[in-house]
Structure formats: structure tokens, C-alpha cells
PDB file of N, CA and C in Angstrom:
ATOM      1  N   MET A   1      68.556-102.182  43.164  1.00  0.00           N
ATOM      2  CA  MET A   1      68.245-101.235  44.217  1.00  0.00           C
ATOM      3  C   MET A   1      68.935-101.676  45.497  1.00  0.00           C
ATOM      4  N   LEU A   2      69.631-100.801  46.143  1.00  0.00           N
ATOM      5  CA  LEU A   2      70.361-101.108  47.362  1.00  0.00           C
ATOM      6  C   LEU A   2      69.429-101.484  48.503  1.00  0.00           C
ATOM      7  N   LEU A   3      68.272-100.867  48.555  1.00  0.00           N
ATOM      8  CA  LEU A   3      67.304-101.179  49.603  1.00  0.00           C
ATOM      9  C   LEU A   3      66.888-102.647  49.555  1.00  0.00           C
ATOM     10  N   GLY A   4      66.763-103.193  48.367  1.00  0.00           N
ATOM     11  CA  GLY A   4      66.391-104.595  48.210  1.00  0.00           C
ATOM     12  C   GLY A   4      67.372-105.525  48.903  1.00  0.00           C
ATOM     13  N   HIS A   5      68.642-105.192  48.844  1.00  0.00           N
ATOM     14  CA  HIS A   5      69.664-106.002  49.530  1.00  0.00           C
ATOM     15  C   HIS A   5      69.430-105.985  51.036  1.00  0.00           C
ATOM     16  N   TYR A   6      69.193-104.821  51.594  1.00  0.00           N
ATOM     17  CA  TYR A   6      68.979-104.717  53.035  1.00  0.00           C
ATOM     18  C   TYR A   6      67.695-105.409  53.475  1.00  0.00           C
ATOM     19  N   VAL A   7      66.685-105.379  52.629  1.00  0.00           N
ATOM     20  CA  VAL A   7      65.439-106.078  52.944  1.00  0.00           C
ATOM     21  C   VAL A   7      65.685-107.577  53.014  1.00  0.00           C
ATOM     22  N   MET A   8      66.447-108.104  52.054  1.00  0.00           N
ATOM     23  CA  MET A   8      66.745-109.541  52.059  1.00  0.00           C
ATOM     24  C   MET A   8      67.593-109.921  53.275  1.00  0.00           C
ATOM     25  N   VAL A   9      68.526-109.061  53.664  1.00  0.00           N
ATOM     26  CA  VAL A   9      69.371-109.345  54.827  1.00  0.00           C
ATOM     27  C   VAL A   9      68.543-109.317  56.106  1.00  0.00           C
ATOM     28  N   ALA A  10      67.618-108.368  56.217  1.00  0.00           N
ATOM     29  CA  ALA A  10      66.797-108.243  57.423  1.00  0.00           C
ATOM     30  C   ALA A  10      65.886-109.455  57.586  1.00  0.00           C
ATOM     31  N   ASN A  11      65.289-109.910  56.486  1.00  0.00           N
ATOM     32  CA  ASN A  11      64.477-111.118  56.481  1.00  0.00           C
ATOM     33  C   ASN A  11      63.391-111.109  57.568  1.00  0.00           C
ATOM     34  N   THR A  12      62.605-110.033  57.600  1.00  0.00           N
ATOM     35  CA  THR A  12      61.486-109.938  58.539  1.00  0.00           C
ATOM     36  C   THR A  12      60.209-109.640  57.755  1.00  0.00           C
ATOM     37  N   PRO A  13      59.060-110.000  58.301  1.00  0.00           N
ATOM     38  CA  PRO A  13      57.803-109.715  57.599  1.00  0.00           C
ATOM     39  C   PRO A  13      57.585-108.218  57.356  1.00  0.00           C
ATOM     40  N   GLU A  14      58.007-107.390  58.290  1.00  0.00           N
ATOM     41  CA  GLU A  14      57.804-105.936  58.140  1.00  0.00           C
ATOM     42  C   GLU A  14      58.594-105.387  56.956  1.00  0.00           C
ATOM     43  N   THR A  15      59.863-105.799  56.842  1.00  0.00           N
ATOM     44  CA  THR A  15      60.663-105.293  55.722  1.00  0.00           C
ATOM     45  C   THR A  15      60.178-105.863  54.399  1.00  0.00           C
ATOM     46  N   ASP A  16      59.690-107.104  54.414  1.00  0.00           N
ATOM     47  CA  ASP A  16      59.139-107.689  53.188  1.00  0.00           C
ATOM     48  C   ASP A  16      57.908-106.917  52.727  1.00  0.00           C
ATOM     49  N   ARG A  17      57.027-106.560  53.669  1.00  0.00           N
ATOM     50  CA  ARG A  17      55.835-105.777  53.308  1.00  0.00           C
ATOM     51  C   ARG A  17      56.231-104.397  52.793  1.00  0.00           C
ATOM     52  N   LEU A  18      57.217-103.779  53.449  1.00  0.00           N
ATOM     53  CA  LEU A  18      57.697-102.467  52.988  1.00  0.00           C
ATOM     54  C   LEU A  18      58.239-102.566  51.573  1.00  0.00           C
ATOM     55  N   TRP A  19      59.049-103.575  51.321  1.00  0.00           N
ATOM     56  CA  TRP A  19      59.622-103.757  49.992  1.00  0.00           C
ATOM     57  C   TRP A  19      58.526-103.980  48.950  1.00  0.00           C
ATOM     58  N   ASN A  20      57.537-104.806  49.270  1.00  0.00           N
ATOM     59  CA  ASN A  20      56.442-105.060  48.326  1.00  0.00           C
ATOM     60  C   ASN A  20      55.668-103.786  48.010  1.00  0.00           C
ATOM     61  N   THR A  21      55.457-102.961  49.024  1.00  0.00           N
ATOM     62  CA  THR A  21      54.749-101.692  48.806  1.00  0.00           C
ATOM     63  C   THR A  21      55.572-100.757  47.930  1.00  0.00           C
ATOM     64  N   ILE A  22      56.842-100.628  48.235  1.00  0.00           N
ATOM     65  CA  ILE A  22      57.712 -99.758  47.438  1.00  0.00           C
ATOM     66  C   ILE A  22      57.789-100.264  45.999  1.00  0.00           C
ATOM     67  N   TYR A  23      57.929-101.566  45.842  1.00  0.00           N
ATOM     68  CA  TYR A  23      58.021-102.151  44.502  1.00  0.00           C
ATOM     69  C   TYR A  23      56.740-101.890  43.706  1.00  0.00           C
ATOM     70  N   ALA A  24      55.583-102.062  44.353  1.00  0.00           N
ATOM     71  CA  ALA A  24      54.296-101.864  43.665  1.00  0.00           C
ATOM     72  C   ALA A  24      54.068-100.408  43.278  1.00  0.00           C
ATOM     73  N   TRP A  25      54.552 -99.476  44.097  1.00  0.00           N
ATOM     74  CA  TRP A  25      54.299 -98.056  43.881  1.00  0.00           C
ATOM     75  C   TRP A  25      55.504 -97.314  43.306  1.00  0.00           C
ATOM     76  N   TRP A  26      56.535 -98.021  42.861  1.00  0.00           N
ATOM     77  CA  TRP A  26      57.769 -97.346  42.478  1.00  0.00           C
ATOM     78  C   TRP A  26      57.558 -96.307  41.377  1.00  0.00           C
ATOM     79  N   THR A  27      56.740 -96.589  40.379  1.00  0.00           N
ATOM     80  CA  THR A  27      56.511 -95.622  39.301  1.00  0.00           C
ATOM     81  C   THR A  27      55.970 -94.313  39.865  1.00  0.00           C
ATOM     82  N   GLU A  28      54.990 -94.396  40.767  1.00  0.00           N
ATOM     83  CA  GLU A  28      54.410 -93.195  41.359  1.00  0.00           C
ATOM     84  C   GLU A  28      55.414 -92.485  42.265  1.00  0.00           C
ATOM     85  N   ILE A  29      56.194 -93.238  42.997  1.00  0.00           N
ATOM     86  CA  ILE A  29      57.212 -92.641  43.873  1.00  0.00           C
ATOM     87  C   ILE A  29      58.245 -91.904  43.038  1.00  0.00           C
ATOM     88  N   GLU A  30      58.642 -92.508  41.936  1.00  0.00           N
ATOM     89  CA  GLU A  30      59.629 -91.875  41.056  1.00  0.00           C
ATOM     90  C   GLU A  30      59.096 -90.573  40.463  1.00  0.00           C
ATOM     91  N   VAL A  31      57.830 -90.559  40.084  1.00  0.00           N
ATOM     92  CA  VAL A  31      57.212 -89.322  39.564  1.00  0.00           C
ATOM     93  C   VAL A  31      57.274 -88.229  40.625  1.00  0.00           C
ATOM     94  N   LEU A  32      56.962 -88.577  41.873  1.00  0.00           N
ATOM     95  CA  LEU A  32      57.035 -87.600  42.959  1.00  0.00           C
ATOM     96  C   LEU A  32      58.454 -87.076  43.127  1.00  0.00           C
ATOM     97  N   ILE A  33      59.426 -87.957  43.098  1.00  0.00           N
ATOM     98  CA  ILE A  33      60.820 -87.545  43.275  1.00  0.00           C
ATOM     99  C   ILE A  33      61.263 -86.621  42.145  1.00  0.00           C
ATOM    100  N   VAL A  34      60.910 -86.962  40.920  1.00  0.00           N
ATOM    101  CA  VAL A  34      61.363 -86.190  39.757  1.00  0.00           C
ATOM    102  C   VAL A  34      60.620 -84.863  39.622  1.00  0.00           C
ATOM    103  N   THR A  35      59.275 -84.893  39.771  1.00  0.00           N
ATOM    104  CA  THR A  35      58.484 -83.693  39.496  1.00  0.00           C
ATOM    105  C   THR A  35      58.099 -82.908  40.740  1.00  0.00           C
ATOM    106  N   GLY A  36      57.991 -83.588  41.874  1.00  0.00           N
ATOM    107  CA  GLY A  36      57.534 -82.920  43.089  1.00  0.00           C
ATOM    108  C   GLY A  36      56.040 -82.675  43.110  1.00  0.00           C
ATOM    109  N   VAL A  37      55.304 -83.263  42.166  1.00  0.00           N
ATOM    110  CA  VAL A  37      53.864 -83.056  42.055  1.00  0.00           C
ATOM    111  C   VAL A  37      53.125 -84.116  42.877  1.00  0.00           C
ATOM    112  N   THR A  38      52.163 -83.664  43.681  1.00  0.00           N
ATOM    113  CA  THR A  38      51.334 -84.585  44.455  1.00  0.00           C
ATOM    114  C   THR A  38      49.865 -84.216  44.262  1.00  0.00           C
ATOM    115  N   ASN A  39      48.989 -85.015  44.823  1.00  0.00           N
ATOM    116  CA  ASN A  39      47.562 -84.730  44.733  1.00  0.00           C
ATOM    117  C   ASN A  39      47.019 -84.246  46.083  1.00  0.00           C
ATOM    118  N   THR A  40      47.859 -83.621  46.884  1.00  0.00           N
ATOM    119  CA  THR A  40      47.439 -83.212  48.222  1.00  0.00           C
ATOM    120  C   THR A  40      46.329 -82.164  48.194  1.00  0.00           C
ATOM    121  N   ARG A  41      46.361 -81.255  47.248  1.00  0.00           N
ATOM    122  CA  ARG A  41      45.296 -80.240  47.189  1.00  0.00           C
ATOM    123  C   ARG A  41      43.944 -80.871  46.897  1.00  0.00           C
ATOM    124  N   THR A  42      43.949 -81.844  45.997  1.00  0.00           N
ATOM    125  CA  THR A  42      42.703 -82.535  45.673  1.00  0.00           C
ATOM    126  C   THR A  42      42.186 -83.296  46.881  1.00  0.00           C
ATOM    127  N   GLU A  43      43.067 -84.003  47.564  1.00  0.00           N
ATOM    128  CA  GLU A  43      42.661 -84.755  48.750  1.00  0.00           C
ATOM    129  C   GLU A  43      42.153 -83.828  49.854  1.00  0.00           C
ATOM    130  N   ALA A  44      42.790 -82.679  50.012  1.00  0.00           N
ATOM    131  CA  ALA A  44      42.339 -81.713  51.020  1.00  0.00           C
ATOM    132  C   ALA A  44      40.950 -81.179  50.672  1.00  0.00           C
ATOM    133  N   ALA A  45      40.721 -80.903  49.391  1.00  0.00           N
ATOM    134  CA  ALA A  45      39.396 -80.424  48.967  1.00  0.00           C
ATOM    135  C   ALA A  45      38.336 -81.494  49.208  1.00  0.00           C
ATOM    136  N   ASN A  46      38.663 -82.732  48.899  1.00  0.00           N
ATOM    137  CA  ASN A  46      37.699 -83.818  49.126  1.00  0.00           C
ATOM    138  C   ASN A  46      37.380 -83.974  50.611  1.00  0.00           C
ATOM    139  N   THR A  47      38.382 -83.837  51.468  1.00  0.00           N
ATOM    140  CA  THR A  47      38.153 -83.922  52.908  1.00  0.00           C
ATOM    141  C   THR A  47      37.255 -82.779  53.380  1.00  0.00           C
ATOM    142  N   SER A  48      37.494 -81.585  52.868  1.00  0.00           N
ATOM    143  CA  SER A  48      36.655 -80.441  53.234  1.00  0.00           C
ATOM    144  C   SER A  48      35.205 -80.670  52.815  1.00  0.00           C
ATOM    145  N   ILE A  49      35.019 -81.199  51.620  1.00  0.00           N
ATOM    146  CA  ILE A  49      33.669 -81.461  51.133  1.00  0.00           C
ATOM    147  C   ILE A  49      32.978 -82.509  51.998  1.00  0.00           C
ATOM    148  N   LYS A  50      33.711 -83.547  52.384  1.00  0.00           N
ATOM    149  CA  LYS A  50      33.134 -84.573  53.255  1.00  0.00           C
ATOM    150  C   LYS A  50      32.734 -83.986  54.609  1.00  0.00           C
ATOM    151  N   ASN A  51      33.545 -83.076  55.136  1.00  0.00           N
ATOM    152  CA  ASN A  51      33.210 -82.441  56.414  1.00  0.00           C
ATOM    153  C   ASN A  51      31.964 -81.577  56.280  1.00  0.00           C
ATOM    154  N   ILE A  52      31.836 -80.870  55.177  1.00  0.00           N
ATOM    155  CA  ILE A  52      30.632 -80.059  54.941  1.00  0.00           C
ATOM    156  C   ILE A  52      29.412 -80.969  54.866  1.00  0.00           C
ATOM    157  N   LYS A  53      29.562 -82.092  54.192  1.00  0.00           N
ATOM    158  CA  LYS A  53      28.451 -83.036  54.069  1.00  0.00           C
ATOM    159  C   LYS A  53      28.053 -83.570  55.439  1.00  0.00           C
ATOM    160  N   ARG A  54      29.031 -83.876  56.279  1.00  0.00           N
ATOM    161  CA  ARG A  54      28.737 -84.386  57.616  1.00  0.00           C
ATOM    162  C   ARG A  54      27.999 -83.352  58.464  1.00  0.00           C
ATOM    163  N   THR A  55      28.431 -82.101  58.365  1.00  0.00           N
ATOM    164  CA  THR A  55      27.796 -81.065  59.181  1.00  0.00           C
ATOM    165  C   THR A  55      26.473 -80.593  58.584  1.00  0.00           C
ATOM    166  N   GLY A  56      26.204 -80.926  57.328  1.00  0.00           N
ATOM    167  CA  GLY A  56      24.958 -80.534  56.674  1.00  0.00           C
ATOM    168  C   GLY A  56      23.745 -81.255  57.233  1.00  0.00           C
ATOM    169  N   ARG A  57      23.957 -82.367  57.879  1.00  0.00           N
ATOM    170  CA  ARG A  57      22.906 -83.145  58.519  1.00  0.00           C
ATOM    171  C   ARG A  57      21.724 -83.422  57.596  1.00  0.00           C
ATOM    172  N   GLY A  58      22.031 -83.964  56.419  1.00  0.00           N
ATOM    173  CA  GLY A  58      20.974 -84.450  55.544  1.00  0.00           C
ATOM    174  C   GLY A  58      20.342 -83.412  54.637  1.00  0.00           C
ATOM    175  N   PHE A  59      21.117 -82.457  54.145  1.00  0.00           N
ATOM    176  CA  PHE A  59      20.546 -81.534  53.164  1.00  0.00           C
ATOM    177  C   PHE A  59      19.983 -82.333  52.003  1.00  0.00           C
ATOM    178  N   ARG A  60      18.791 -81.991  51.600  1.00  0.00           N
ATOM    179  CA  ARG A  60      18.177 -82.685  50.473  1.00  0.00           C
ATOM    180  C   ARG A  60      18.231 -81.858  49.204  1.00  0.00           C
ATOM    181  N   ASN A  61      18.474 -80.592  49.355  1.00  0.00           N
ATOM    182  CA  ASN A  61      18.529 -79.707  48.199  1.00  0.00           C
ATOM    183  C   ASN A  61      19.972 -79.661  47.694  1.00  0.00           C
ATOM    184  N   ALA A  62      20.191 -80.194  46.505  1.00  0.00           N
ATOM    185  CA  ALA A  62      21.542 -80.258  45.944  1.00  0.00           C
ATOM    186  C   ALA A  62      22.122 -78.862  45.711  1.00  0.00           C
ATOM    187  N   ASP A  63      21.291 -77.895  45.383  1.00  0.00           N
ATOM    188  CA  ASP A  63      21.785 -76.528  45.161  1.00  0.00           C
ATOM    189  C   ASP A  63      22.331 -75.926  46.459  1.00  0.00           C
ATOM    190  N   ASN A  64      21.645 -76.178  47.578  1.00  0.00           N
ATOM    191  CA  ASN A  64      22.142 -75.672  48.863  1.00  0.00           C
ATOM    192  C   ASN A  64      23.467 -76.335  49.240  1.00  0.00           C
ATOM    193  N   TYR A  65      23.559 -77.614  48.991  1.00  0.00           N
ATOM    194  CA  TYR A  65      24.782 -78.366  49.277  1.00  0.00           C
ATOM    195  C   TYR A  65      25.934 -77.819  48.443  1.00  0.00           C
ATOM    196  N   ARG A  66      25.691 -77.601  47.160  1.00  0.00           N
ATOM    197  CA  ARG A  66      26.708 -77.054  46.262  1.00  0.00           C
ATOM    198  C   ARG A  66      27.114 -75.647  46.704  1.00  0.00           C
ATOM    199  N   ALA A  67      26.144 -74.839  47.097  1.00  0.00           N
ATOM    200  CA  ALA A  67      26.439 -73.476  47.544  1.00  0.00           C
ATOM    201  C   ALA A  67      27.305 -73.485  48.801  1.00  0.00           C
ATOM    202  N   ARG A  68      27.032 -74.393  49.727  1.00  0.00           N
ATOM    203  CA  ARG A  68      27.844 -74.500  50.946  1.00  0.00           C
ATOM    204  C   ARG A  68      29.287 -74.851  50.605  1.00  0.00           C
ATOM    205  N   ILE A  69      29.465 -75.771  49.672  1.00  0.00           N
ATOM    206  CA  ILE A  69      30.821 -76.176  49.274  1.00  0.00           C
ATOM    207  C   ILE A  69      31.549 -75.000  48.637  1.00  0.00           C
ATOM    208  N   LEU A  70      30.889 -74.307  47.721  1.00  0.00           N
ATOM    209  CA  LEU A  70      31.530 -73.176  47.041  1.00  0.00           C
ATOM    210  C   LEU A  70      31.821 -72.031  48.000  1.00  0.00           C
ATOM    211  N   LEU A  71      30.905 -71.749  48.919  1.00  0.00           N
ATOM    212  CA  LEU A  71      31.139 -70.678  49.889  1.00  0.00           C
ATOM    213  C   LEU A  71      32.286 -71.027  50.825  1.00  0.00           C
ATOM    214  N   SER A  72      32.376 -72.261  51.205  1.00  0.00           N
ATOM    215  CA  SER A  72      33.461 -72.687  52.091  1.00  0.00           C
ATOM    216  C   SER A  72      34.809 -72.542  51.401  1.00  0.00           C
ATOM    217  N   SER A  73      34.907 -72.978  50.152  1.00  0.00           N
ATOM    218  CA  SER A  73      36.196 -72.892  49.442  1.00  0.00           C
ATOM    219  C   SER A  73      36.525 -71.438  49.116  1.00  0.00           C
ATOM    220  N   ALA A  74      35.514 -70.611  48.832  1.00  0.00           N
ATOM    221  CA  ALA A  74      35.771 -69.202  48.544  1.00  0.00           C
ATOM    222  C   ALA A  74      36.269 -68.481  49.781  1.00  0.00           C
ATOM    223  N   ALA A  75      35.725 -68.822  50.933  1.00  0.00           N
ATOM    224  CA  ALA A  75      36.159 -68.189  52.174  1.00  0.00           C
ATOM    225  C   ALA A  75      37.596 -68.549  52.504  1.00  0.00           C
ATOM    226  N   LYS A  76      38.009 -69.773  52.210  1.00  0.00           N
ATOM    227  CA  LYS A  76      39.399 -70.184  52.469  1.00  0.00           C
ATOM    228  C   LYS A  76      40.355 -69.464  51.541  1.00  0.00           C
ATOM    229  N   ARG A  77      39.938 -69.225  50.307  1.00  0.00           N
ATOM    230  CA  ARG A  77      40.826 -68.554  49.346  1.00  0.00           C
ATOM    231  C   ARG A  77      40.929 -67.057  49.622  1.00  0.00           C
ATOM    232  N   ALA A  78      39.894 -66.476  50.229  1.00  0.00           N
ATOM    233  CA  ALA A  78      39.885 -65.039  50.475  1.00  0.00           C
ATOM    234  C   ALA A  78      40.822 -64.659  51.605  1.00  0.00           C
ATOM    235  N   VAL A  79      41.108 -65.596  52.470  1.00  0.00           N
ATOM    236  CA  VAL A  79      41.946 -65.302  53.647  1.00  0.00           C
ATOM    237  C   VAL A  79      43.389 -65.217  53.274  1.00  0.00           C
TER     238      VAL A  79
END
């Protein structure tokens, strides 16, 4: 990998950490490059659910909590 050469030449902690991260995640990065598939929709849905939970202020009824989540996602899809 050409980037590895530049990392060795730079010889700084920041480039070493960058290289280690890229090396550890290379399989996943390659999948993204080849397929273009990400998990952004899932992460966005999880964030929305967490926000609903925060604004629910301690709902104890699981059915109400579930209904709020479904109504919120349905409203976003209807727009």
C-alpha cells in the first residue's frame, strides 16, 4: 500500500494511529469502496429511537413507547 510508505516517512504518532486504524478496518473499508453499502440508515433509526426515549421522560408502558417509535418513523416516511 502506498499510504504505508508515506506513514513510515512521516514518522509521527498521528500518522501511526491513522495507519493502525486503516489497517484494522481495511476489510470493512474495502467493502464500502466496492459495494457502496453502509449502515447509515440503521444508525439514523437508532438515534431517532434514542431521542424519542429521551423525550419520553420515563414511559413505563412498553406499548406506548413502541407506538411512539412507530408513529415517529411513519411520519418521516409519509413526508
